[in-house]
All heavy atoms as atom14 arrays in JSON, in Angstrom:
{
  "sequence": "NAFVIDRANTRSLTAGLVAKWSLDLWGNSYRAKRSNALFEQTLA",
  "atom14_mask": [
    [1, 1, 1, 1, 1, 1, 1, 1, 0, 0, 0, 0, 0, 0],
    [1, 1, 1, 1, 1, 0, 0, 0, 0, 0, 0, 0, 0, 0],
    [1, 1, 1, 1, 1, 1, 1, 1, 1, 1, 1, 0, 0, 0],
    [1, 1, 1, 1, 1, 1, 1, 0, 0, 0, 0, 0, 0, 0],
    [1, 1, 1, 1, 1, 1, 1, 1, 0, 0, 0, 0, 0, 0],
    [1, 1, 1, 1, 1, 1, 1, 1, 0, 0, 0, 0, 0, 0],
    [1, 1, 1, 1, 1, 1, 1, 1, 1, 1, 1, 0, 0, 0],
    [1, 1, 1, 1, 1, 0, 0, 0, 0, 0, 0, 0, 0, 0],
    [1, 1, 1, 1, 1, 1, 1, 1, 0, 0, 0, 0, 0, 0],
    [1, 1, 1, 1, 1, 1, 1, 0, 0, 0, 0, 0, 0, 0],
    [1, 1, 1, 1, 1, 1, 1, 1, 1, 1, 1, 0, 0, 0],
    [1, 1, 1, 1, 1, 1, 0, 0, 0, 0, 0, 0, 0, 0],
    [1, 1, 1, 1, 1, 1, 1, 1, 0, 0, 0, 0, 0, 0],
    [1, 1, 1, 1, 1, 1, 1, 0, 0, 0, 0, 0, 0, 0],
    [1, 1, 1, 1, 1, 0, 0, 0, 0, 0, 0, 0, 0, 0],
    [1, 1, 1, 1, 0, 0, 0, 0, 0, 0, 0, 0, 0, 0],
    [1, 1, 1, 1, 1, 1, 1, 1, 0, 0, 0, 0, 0, 0],
    [1, 1, 1, 1, 1, 1, 1, 0, 0, 0, 0, 0, 0, 0],
    [1, 1, 1, 1, 1, 0, 0, 0, 0, 0, 0, 0, 0, 0],
    [1, 1, 1, 1, 1, 1, 1, 1, 1, 0, 0, 0, 0, 0],
    [1, 1, 1, 1, 1, 1, 1, 1, 1, 1, 1, 1, 1, 1],
    [1, 1, 1, 1, 1, 1, 0, 0, 0, 0, 0, 0, 0, 0],
    [1, 1, 1, 1, 1, 1, 1, 1, 0, 0, 0, 0, 0, 0],
    [1, 1, 1, 1, 1, 1, 1, 1, 0, 0, 0, 0, 0, 0],
    [1, 1, 1, 1, 1, 1, 1, 1, 0, 0, 0, 0, 0, 0],
    [1, 1, 1, 1, 1, 1, 1, 1, 1, 1, 1, 1, 1, 1],
    [1, 1, 1, 1, 0, 0, 0, 0, 0, 0, 0, 0, 0, 0],
    [1, 1, 1, 1, 1, 1, 1, 1, 0, 0, 0, 0, 0, 0],
    [1, 1, 1, 1, 1, 1, 0, 0, 0, 0, 0, 0, 0, 0],
    [1, 1, 1, 1, 1, 1, 1, 1, 1, 1, 1, 1, 0, 0],
    [1, 1, 1, 1, 1, 1, 1, 1, 1, 1, 1, 0, 0, 0],
    [1, 1, 1, 1, 1, 0, 0, 0, 0, 0, 0, 0, 0, 0],
    [1, 1, 1, 1, 1, 1, 1, 1, 1, 0, 0, 0, 0, 0],
    [1, 1, 1, 1, 1, 1, 1, 1, 1, 1, 1, 0, 0, 0],
    [1, 1, 1, 1, 1, 1, 0, 0, 0, 0, 0, 0, 0, 0],
    [1, 1, 1, 1, 1, 1, 1, 1, 0, 0, 0, 0, 0, 0],
    [1, 1, 1, 1, 1, 0, 0, 0, 0, 0, 0, 0, 0, 0],
    [1, 1, 1, 1, 1, 1, 1, 1, 0, 0, 0, 0, 0, 0],
    [1, 1, 1, 1, 1, 1, 1, 1, 1, 1, 1, 0, 0, 0],
    [1, 1, 1, 1, 1, 1, 1, 1, 1, 0, 0, 0, 0, 0],
    [1, 1, 1, 1, 1, 1, 1, 1, 1, 0, 0, 0, 0, 0],
    [1, 1, 1, 1, 1, 1, 1, 0, 0, 0, 0, 0, 0, 0],
    [1, 1, 1, 1, 1, 1, 1, 1, 0, 0, 0, 0, 0, 0],
    [1, 1, 1, 1, 1, 0, 0, 0, 0, 0, 0, 0, 0, 0]
  ],
  "atom14_positions": [
    [[-14.0, 40.94, 15.46], [-14.29, 40.18, 16.67], [-13.93, 38.71, 16.42], [-14.42, 38.09, 15.48], [-15.76, 40.32, 17.03], [-16.07, 39.77, 18.42], [-15.42, 38.85, 18.91], [-17.1, 40.34, 19.05], [0.0, 0.0, 0.0], [0.0, 0.0, 0.0], [0.0, 0.0, 0.0], [0.0, 0.0, 0.0], [0.0, 0.0, 0.0], [0.0, 0.0, 0.0]],
    [[-13.07, 38.18, 17.28], [-12.62, 36.79, 17.09], [-13.74, 35.79, 17.29], [-13.64, 34.64, 16.85], [-11.48, 36.49, 18.04], [0.0, 0.0, 0.0], [0.0, 0.0, 0.0], [0.0, 0.0, 0.0], [0.0, 0.0, 0.0], [0.0, 0.0, 0.0], [0.0, 0.0, 0.0], [0.0, 0.0, 0.0], [0.0, 0.0, 0.0], [0.0, 0.0, 0.0]],
    [[-14.83, 36.21, 17.98], [-15.92, 35.28, 18.27], [-17.04, 35.37, 17.24], [-18.08, 34.75, 17.41], [-16.47, 35.55, 19.68], [-15.46, 35.29, 20.75], [-14.74, 36.35, 21.29], [-15.21, 34.01, 21.2], [-13.79, 36.12, 22.27], [-14.27, 33.79, 22.19], [-13.55, 34.84, 22.73], [0.0, 0.0, 0.0], [0.0, 0.0, 0.0], [0.0, 0.0, 0.0]],
    [[-16.82, 36.16, 16.21], [-17.79, 36.29, 15.14], [-17.23, 35.62, 13.89], [-16.1, 35.9, 13.49], [-18.11, 37.76, 14.85], [-19.05, 37.88, 13.65], [-18.74, 38.4, 16.09], [0.0, 0.0, 0.0], [0.0, 0.0, 0.0], [0.0, 0.0, 0.0], [0.0, 0.0, 0.0], [0.0, 0.0, 0.0], [0.0, 0.0, 0.0], [0.0, 0.0, 0.0]],
    [[-17.99, 34.71, 13.31], [-17.55, 34.01, 12.1], [-17.83, 34.88, 10.88], [-18.99, 35.18, 10.59], [-18.25, 32.66, 11.96], [-17.93, 31.76, 13.15], [-17.84, 31.98, 10.65], [-18.66, 30.43, 13.12], [0.0, 0.0, 0.0], [0.0, 0.0, 0.0], [0.0, 0.0, 0.0], [0.0, 0.0, 0.0], [0.0, 0.0, 0.0], [0.0, 0.0, 0.0]],
    [[-16.78, 35.34, 10.24], [-16.91, 36.16, 9.05], [-16.48, 35.3, 7.86], [-15.29, 35.11, 7.61], [-16.02, 37.4, 9.17], [-16.24, 38.37, 8.02], [-16.98, 38.02, 7.06], [-15.66, 39.47, 8.06], [0.0, 0.0, 0.0], [0.0, 0.0, 0.0], [0.0, 0.0, 0.0], [0.0, 0.0, 0.0], [0.0, 0.0, 0.0], [0.0, 0.0, 0.0]],
    [[-17.44, 34.78, 7.12], [-17.11, 33.87, 6.02], [-16.67, 34.61, 4.76], [-16.18, 34.0, 3.83], [-18.33, 33.0, 5.69], [-18.77, 32.14, 6.86], [-19.89, 31.2, 6.45], [-20.37, 30.42, 7.57], [-19.77, 29.32, 8.04], [-18.67, 28.89, 7.48], [-20.28, 28.67, 9.07], [0.0, 0.0, 0.0], [0.0, 0.0, 0.0], [0.0, 0.0, 0.0]],
    [[-16.86, 35.93, 4.77], [-16.47, 36.7, 3.58], [-15.02, 37.15, 3.67], [-14.21, 36.89, 2.77], [-17.4, 37.89, 3.4], [0.0, 0.0, 0.0], [0.0, 0.0, 0.0], [0.0, 0.0, 0.0], [0.0, 0.0, 0.0], [0.0, 0.0, 0.0], [0.0, 0.0, 0.0], [0.0, 0.0, 0.0], [0.0, 0.0, 0.0], [0.0, 0.0, 0.0]],
    [[-14.66, 37.81, 4.74], [-13.29, 38.28, 4.95], [-12.62, 37.33, 5.93], [-12.8, 37.44, 7.15], [-13.29, 39.71, 5.49], [-13.9, 40.69, 4.5], [-13.28, 41.08, 3.53], [-15.18, 41.07, 4.77], [0.0, 0.0, 0.0], [0.0, 0.0, 0.0], [0.0, 0.0, 0.0], [0.0, 0.0, 0.0], [0.0, 0.0, 0.0], [0.0, 0.0, 0.0]],
    [[-11.88, 36.38, 5.38], [-11.33, 35.3, 6.2], [-9.83, 35.24, 6.02], [-9.3, 35.34, 4.91], [-11.95, 33.95, 5.79], [-13.36, 34.04, 5.88], [-11.45, 32.84, 6.68], [0.0, 0.0, 0.0], [0.0, 0.0, 0.0], [0.0, 0.0, 0.0], [0.0, 0.0, 0.0], [0.0, 0.0, 0.0], [0.0, 0.0, 0.0], [0.0, 0.0, 0.0]],
    [[-9.12, 35.07, 7.13], [-7.68, 34.84, 7.12], [-7.39, 33.8, 8.19], [-7.68, 34.02, 9.37], [-6.91, 36.13, 7.4], [-7.0, 37.14, 6.27], [-6.43, 38.49, 6.66], [-7.24, 39.12, 7.7], [-8.35, 39.82, 7.46], [-8.8, 39.95, 6.22], [-9.01, 40.38, 8.47], [0.0, 0.0, 0.0], [0.0, 0.0, 0.0], [0.0, 0.0, 0.0]],
    [[-6.85, 32.64, 7.73], [-6.58, 31.58, 8.7], [-5.35, 30.79, 8.29], [-5.05, 30.64, 7.1], [-7.79, 30.63, 8.82], [-7.98, 29.93, 7.6], [0.0, 0.0, 0.0], [0.0, 0.0, 0.0], [0.0, 0.0, 0.0], [0.0, 0.0, 0.0], [0.0, 0.0, 0.0], [0.0, 0.0, 0.0], [0.0, 0.0, 0.0], [0.0, 0.0, 0.0]],
    [[-4.64, 30.28, 9.27], [-3.47, 29.42, 9.07], [-3.45, 28.41, 10.2], [-3.35, 28.79, 11.37], [-2.18, 30.23, 9.04], [-0.9, 29.42, 8.9], [-0.87, 28.7, 7.56], [0.32, 30.32, 9.05], [0.0, 0.0, 0.0], [0.0, 0.0, 0.0], [0.0, 0.0, 0.0], [0.0, 0.0, 0.0], [0.0, 0.0, 0.0], [0.0, 0.0, 0.0]],
    [[-3.58, 27.12, 9.84], [-3.62, 26.08, 10.86], [-2.67, 24.96, 10.49], [-2.39, 24.72, 9.31], [-5.05, 25.51, 10.98], [-5.46, 24.99, 9.71], [-6.03, 26.58, 11.44], [0.0, 0.0, 0.0], [0.0, 0.0, 0.0], [0.0, 0.0, 0.0], [0.0, 0.0, 0.0], [0.0, 0.0, 0.0], [0.0, 0.0, 0.0], [0.0, 0.0, 0.0]],
    [[-2.2, 24.27, 11.49], [-1.34, 23.1, 11.3], [-1.5, 22.21, 12.51], [-1.71, 22.69, 13.63], [0.11, 23.52, 11.12], [0.0, 0.0, 0.0], [0.0, 0.0, 0.0], [0.0, 0.0, 0.0], [0.0, 0.0, 0.0], [0.0, 0.0, 0.0], [0.0, 0.0, 0.0], [0.0, 0.0, 0.0], [0.0, 0.0, 0.0], [0.0, 0.0, 0.0]],
    [[-1.4, 20.9, 12.29], [-1.54, 19.98, 13.41], [-1.43, 18.55, 12.97], [-1.42, 18.23, 11.76], [0.0, 0.0, 0.0], [0.0, 0.0, 0.0], [0.0, 0.0, 0.0], [0.0, 0.0, 0.0], [0.0, 0.0, 0.0], [0.0, 0.0, 0.0], [0.0, 0.0, 0.0], [0.0, 0.0, 0.0], [0.0, 0.0, 0.0], [0.0, 0.0, 0.0]],
    [[-1.33, 17.67, 13.91], [-1.27, 16.25, 13.64], [-2.66, 15.72, 13.36], [-3.62, 16.05, 14.08], [-0.65, 15.5, 14.82], [0.82, 15.83, 15.14], [1.26, 15.09, 16.38], [1.71, 15.45, 13.96], [0.0, 0.0, 0.0], [0.0, 0.0, 0.0], [0.0, 0.0, 0.0], [0.0, 0.0, 0.0], [0.0, 0.0, 0.0], [0.0, 0.0, 0.0]],
    [[-2.75, 14.88, 12.32], [-4.04, 14.29, 11.95], [-3.86, 12.79, 11.76], [-2.76, 12.3, 11.53], [-4.61, 14.93, 10.66], [-4.9, 16.4, 10.86], [-3.65, 14.72, 9.5], [0.0, 0.0, 0.0], [0.0, 0.0, 0.0], [0.0, 0.0, 0.0], [0.0, 0.0, 0.0], [0.0, 0.0, 0.0], [0.0, 0.0, 0.0], [0.0, 0.0, 0.0]],
    [[-4.97, 12.08, 11.83], [-4.99, 10.64, 11.59], [-6.18, 10.32, 10.69], [-7.28, 10.84, 10.9], [-5.08, 9.86, 12.9], [0.0, 0.0, 0.0], [0.0, 0.0, 0.0], [0.0, 0.0, 0.0], [0.0, 0.0, 0.0], [0.0, 0.0, 0.0], [0.0, 0.0, 0.0], [0.0, 0.0, 0.0], [0.0, 0.0, 0.0], [0.0, 0.0, 0.0]],
    [[-5.92, 9.48, 9.7], [-6.98, 9.05, 8.8], [-7.04, 7.53, 8.86], [-6.07, 6.85, 8.54], [-6.69, 9.51, 7.37], [-7.77, 9.12, 6.38], [-7.41, 9.61, 4.99], [-8.49, 9.21, 4.0], [-8.16, 9.64, 2.6], [0.0, 0.0, 0.0], [0.0, 0.0, 0.0], [0.0, 0.0, 0.0], [0.0, 0.0, 0.0], [0.0, 0.0, 0.0]],
    [[-8.19, 7.04, 9.27], [-8.29, 5.6, 9.52], [-9.58, 5.09, 8.88], [-10.69, 5.53, 9.22], [-8.31, 5.35, 11.02], [-8.08, 3.9, 11.41], [-7.89, 2.85, 10.56], [-8.0, 3.37, 12.72], [-7.7, 1.7, 11.26], [-7.76, 1.98, 12.61], [-8.11, 3.92, 14.0], [-7.63, 1.15, 13.7], [-7.97, 3.1, 15.1], [-7.74, 1.72, 14.94]],
    [[-9.42, 4.17, 7.93], [-10.58, 3.54, 7.32], [-11.06, 2.41, 8.23], [-10.27, 1.54, 8.62], [-10.22, 2.99, 5.94], [-11.29, 2.23, 5.42], [0.0, 0.0, 0.0], [0.0, 0.0, 0.0], [0.0, 0.0, 0.0], [0.0, 0.0, 0.0], [0.0, 0.0, 0.0], [0.0, 0.0, 0.0], [0.0, 0.0, 0.0], [0.0, 0.0, 0.0]],
    [[-12.34, 2.43, 8.54], [-12.91, 1.41, 9.42], [-13.49, 0.23, 8.64], [-14.22, -0.58, 9.21], [-13.99, 2.03, 10.31], [-13.48, 3.1, 11.29], [-14.63, 3.64, 12.13], [-12.38, 2.52, 12.18], [0.0, 0.0, 0.0], [0.0, 0.0, 0.0], [0.0, 0.0, 0.0], [0.0, 0.0, 0.0], [0.0, 0.0, 0.0], [0.0, 0.0, 0.0]],
    [[-13.14, 0.14, 7.35], [-13.58, -1.0, 6.55], [-12.65, -2.2, 6.84], [-12.01, -2.76, 5.95], [-13.56, -0.63, 5.06], [-14.11, -1.75, 4.19], [-14.84, -2.62, 4.72], [-13.79, -1.77, 2.98], [0.0, 0.0, 0.0], [0.0, 0.0, 0.0], [0.0, 0.0, 0.0], [0.0, 0.0, 0.0], [0.0, 0.0, 0.0], [0.0, 0.0, 0.0]],
    [[-12.57, -2.58, 8.09], [-11.65, -3.65, 8.49], [-12.12, -5.0, 7.98], [-11.3, -5.88, 7.65], [-11.52, -3.66, 10.02], [-11.02, -2.34, 10.64], [-10.94, -2.48, 12.15], [-9.68, -1.95, 10.06], [0.0, 0.0, 0.0], [0.0, 0.0, 0.0], [0.0, 0.0, 0.0], [0.0, 0.0, 0.0], [0.0, 0.0, 0.0], [0.0, 0.0, 0.0]],
    [[-13.4, -5.19, 7.93], [-13.94, -6.47, 7.44], [-13.58, -6.64, 5.96], [-13.09, -7.68, 5.54], [-15.45, -6.5, 7.66], [-16.06, -7.87, 7.52], [-15.43, -9.01, 7.14], [-17.41, -8.23, 7.78], [-16.28, -10.07, 7.13], [-17.53, -9.62, 7.54], [-18.54, -7.52, 8.22], [-18.73, -10.3, 7.68], [-19.73, -8.21, 8.37], [-19.82, -9.6, 8.09]],
    [[-13.86, -5.6, 5.18], [-13.51, -5.69, 3.76], [-12.01, -5.81, 3.56], [-11.55, -6.51, 2.64], [0.0, 0.0, 0.0], [0.0, 0.0, 0.0], [0.0, 0.0, 0.0], [0.0, 0.0, 0.0], [0.0, 0.0, 0.0], [0.0, 0.0, 0.0], [0.0, 0.0, 0.0], [0.0, 0.0, 0.0], [0.0, 0.0, 0.0], [0.0, 0.0, 0.0]],
    [[-11.21, -5.15, 4.41], [-9.76, -5.23, 4.27], [-9.25, -6.64, 4.56], [-8.22, -7.06, 4.0], [-9.09, -4.23, 5.22], [-7.63, -4.03, 4.89], [-7.27, -3.4, 3.91], [-6.77, -4.62, 5.72], [0.0, 0.0, 0.0], [0.0, 0.0, 0.0], [0.0, 0.0, 0.0], [0.0, 0.0, 0.0], [0.0, 0.0, 0.0], [0.0, 0.0, 0.0]],
    [[-9.96, -7.38, 5.4], [-9.53, -8.75, 5.68], [-9.62, -9.6, 4.4], [-8.76, -10.45, 4.16], [-10.4, -9.36, 6.78], [-11.75, -9.5, 6.36], [0.0, 0.0, 0.0], [0.0, 0.0, 0.0], [0.0, 0.0, 0.0], [0.0, 0.0, 0.0], [0.0, 0.0, 0.0], [0.0, 0.0, 0.0], [0.0, 0.0, 0.0], [0.0, 0.0, 0.0]],
    [[-10.63, -9.34, 3.59], [-10.74, -10.07, 2.33], [-9.69, -9.61, 1.32], [-9.18, -10.42, 0.53], [-12.15, -9.9, 1.76], [-13.21, -10.59, 2.57], [-14.16, -9.85, 3.27], [-13.26, -11.98, 2.66], [-15.13, -10.47, 4.03], [-14.24, -12.6, 3.41], [-15.17, -11.85, 4.1], [-16.13, -12.48, 4.85], [0.0, 0.0, 0.0], [0.0, 0.0, 0.0]],
    [[-9.37, -8.33, 1.36], [-8.3, -7.85, 0.48], [-6.97, -8.48, 0.87], [-6.17, -8.85, 0.0], [-8.22, -6.32, 0.55], [-9.38, -5.62, -0.16], [-9.11, -4.13, -0.28], [-9.22, -3.44, 1.0], [-10.36, -2.97, 1.5], [-11.49, -3.1, 0.82], [-10.39, -2.35, 2.66], [0.0, 0.0, 0.0], [0.0, 0.0, 0.0], [0.0, 0.0, 0.0]],
    [[-6.7, -8.62, 2.14], [-5.47, -9.26, 2.58], [-5.46, -10.74, 2.2], [-4.43, -11.29, 1.77], [-5.32, -9.11, 4.1], [0.0, 0.0, 0.0], [0.0, 0.0, 0.0], [0.0, 0.0, 0.0], [0.0, 0.0, 0.0], [0.0, 0.0, 0.0], [0.0, 0.0, 0.0], [0.0, 0.0, 0.0], [0.0, 0.0, 0.0], [0.0, 0.0, 0.0]],
    [[-6.6, -11.39, 2.35], [-6.7, -12.79, 1.98], [-6.46, -12.99, 0.48], [-5.75, -13.91, 0.06], [-8.07, -13.34, 2.37], [-8.27, -14.82, 2.09], [-9.64, -15.28, 2.55], [-9.84, -16.77, 2.28], [-11.18, -17.22, 2.73], [0.0, 0.0, 0.0], [0.0, 0.0, 0.0], [0.0, 0.0, 0.0], [0.0, 0.0, 0.0], [0.0, 0.0, 0.0]],
    [[-7.02, -12.09, -0.32], [-6.84, -12.18, -1.76], [-5.39, -11.96, -2.16], [-4.83, -12.69, -2.98], [-7.73, -11.16, -2.46], [-7.62, -11.16, -3.98], [-8.46, -10.08, -4.59], [-8.01, -8.75, -4.15], [-8.66, -7.63, -4.35], [-9.85, -7.67, -4.95], [-8.18, -6.48, -3.93], [0.0, 0.0, 0.0], [0.0, 0.0, 0.0], [0.0, 0.0, 0.0]],
    [[-4.74, -10.95, -1.56], [-3.35, -10.66, -1.91], [-2.43, -11.81, -1.5], [-1.48, -12.14, -2.22], [-2.91, -9.36, -1.26], [-3.02, -9.42, 0.15], [0.0, 0.0, 0.0], [0.0, 0.0, 0.0], [0.0, 0.0, 0.0], [0.0, 0.0, 0.0], [0.0, 0.0, 0.0], [0.0, 0.0, 0.0], [0.0, 0.0, 0.0], [0.0, 0.0, 0.0]],
    [[-2.68, -12.43, -0.35], [-1.87, -13.58, 0.07], [-2.06, -14.77, -0.88], [-1.11, -15.47, -1.22], [-2.23, -13.99, 1.49], [-1.78, -12.97, 2.52], [-0.81, -12.25, 2.3], [-2.5, -12.88, 3.63], [0.0, 0.0, 0.0], [0.0, 0.0, 0.0], [0.0, 0.0, 0.0], [0.0, 0.0, 0.0], [0.0, 0.0, 0.0], [0.0, 0.0, 0.0]],
    [[-3.3, -14.97, -1.33], [-3.56, -16.06, -2.27], [-2.87, -15.8, -3.61], [-2.32, -16.72, -4.23], [-5.06, -16.23, -2.47], [0.0, 0.0, 0.0], [0.0, 0.0, 0.0], [0.0, 0.0, 0.0], [0.0, 0.0, 0.0], [0.0, 0.0, 0.0], [0.0, 0.0, 0.0], [0.0, 0.0, 0.0], [0.0, 0.0, 0.0], [0.0, 0.0, 0.0]],
    [[-2.87, -14.56, -4.07], [-2.18, -14.22, -5.32], [-0.68, -14.42, -5.2], [-0.02, -14.85, -6.15], [-2.5, -12.78, -5.72], [-3.94, -12.5, -6.17], [-4.15, -11.01, -6.39], [-4.25, -13.28, -7.45], [0.0, 0.0, 0.0], [0.0, 0.0, 0.0], [0.0, 0.0, 0.0], [0.0, 0.0, 0.0], [0.0, 0.0, 0.0], [0.0, 0.0, 0.0]],
    [[-0.12, -14.1, -4.04], [1.31, -14.33, -3.82], [1.64, -15.81, -3.9], [2.6, -16.22, -4.56], [1.71, -13.75, -2.46], [3.14, -14.05, -2.09], [4.17, -13.32, -2.63], [3.44, -15.09, -1.21], [5.49, -13.59, -2.3], [4.75, -15.38, -0.87], [5.79, -14.63, -1.42], [0.0, 0.0, 0.0], [0.0, 0.0, 0.0], [0.0, 0.0, 0.0]],
    [[0.84, -16.64, -3.22], [1.07, -18.09, -3.26], [0.85, -18.65, -4.66], [1.54, -19.58, -5.08], [0.17, -18.78, -2.24], [0.51, -18.42, -0.8], [-0.47, -19.03, 0.19], [-1.43, -19.68, -0.28], [-0.29, -18.85, 1.4], [0.0, 0.0, 0.0], [0.0, 0.0, 0.0], [0.0, 0.0, 0.0], [0.0, 0.0, 0.0], [0.0, 0.0, 0.0]],
    [[-0.12, -18.08, -5.4], [-0.35, -18.51, -6.77], [0.89, -18.23, -7.63], [1.33, -19.08, -8.41], [-1.56, -17.79, -7.34], [-1.79, -18.07, -8.83], [-2.79, -17.12, -9.46], [-3.35, -16.27, -8.78], [-3.01, -17.25, -10.75], [0.0, 0.0, 0.0], [0.0, 0.0, 0.0], [0.0, 0.0, 0.0], [0.0, 0.0, 0.0], [0.0, 0.0, 0.0]],
    [[1.44, -17.02, -7.52], [2.63, -16.67, -8.3], [3.82, -17.53, -7.9], [4.64, -17.91, -8.74], [2.96, -15.18, -8.09], [1.8, -14.39, -8.38], [4.09, -14.74, -9.01], [0.0, 0.0, 0.0], [0.0, 0.0, 0.0], [0.0, 0.0, 0.0], [0.0, 0.0, 0.0], [0.0, 0.0, 0.0], [0.0, 0.0, 0.0], [0.0, 0.0, 0.0]],
    [[3.93, -17.86, -6.61], [5.02, -18.72, -6.16], [4.91, -20.11, -6.79], [5.91, -20.69, -7.24], [4.99, -18.83, -4.63], [6.14, -19.6, -3.98], [7.47, -18.93, -4.27], [5.92, -19.71, -2.47], [0.0, 0.0, 0.0], [0.0, 0.0, 0.0], [0.0, 0.0, 0.0], [0.0, 0.0, 0.0], [0.0, 0.0, 0.0], [0.0, 0.0, 0.0]],
    [[3.69, -20.64, -6.85], [3.49, -21.94, -7.49], [3.76, -21.85, -8.99], [4.33, -22.79, -9.59], [2.06, -22.43, -7.24], [0.0, 0.0, 0.0], [0.0, 0.0, 0.0], [0.0, 0.0, 0.0], [0.0, 0.0, 0.0], [0.0, 0.0, 0.0], [0.0, 0.0, 0.0], [0.0, 0.0, 0.0], [0.0, 0.0, 0.0], [0.0, 0.0, 0.0]]
  ]
}
């Protein structure tokens, strides 16, 4: 029965588009700031 979940005898094949998005945008702003500062440091 397709409407019964059988966790023992299972056969499945799935494919689809996915998106993975980290919402640590605040922390990423500091990472970007640090990387830009390191670039300018190396340039100097």
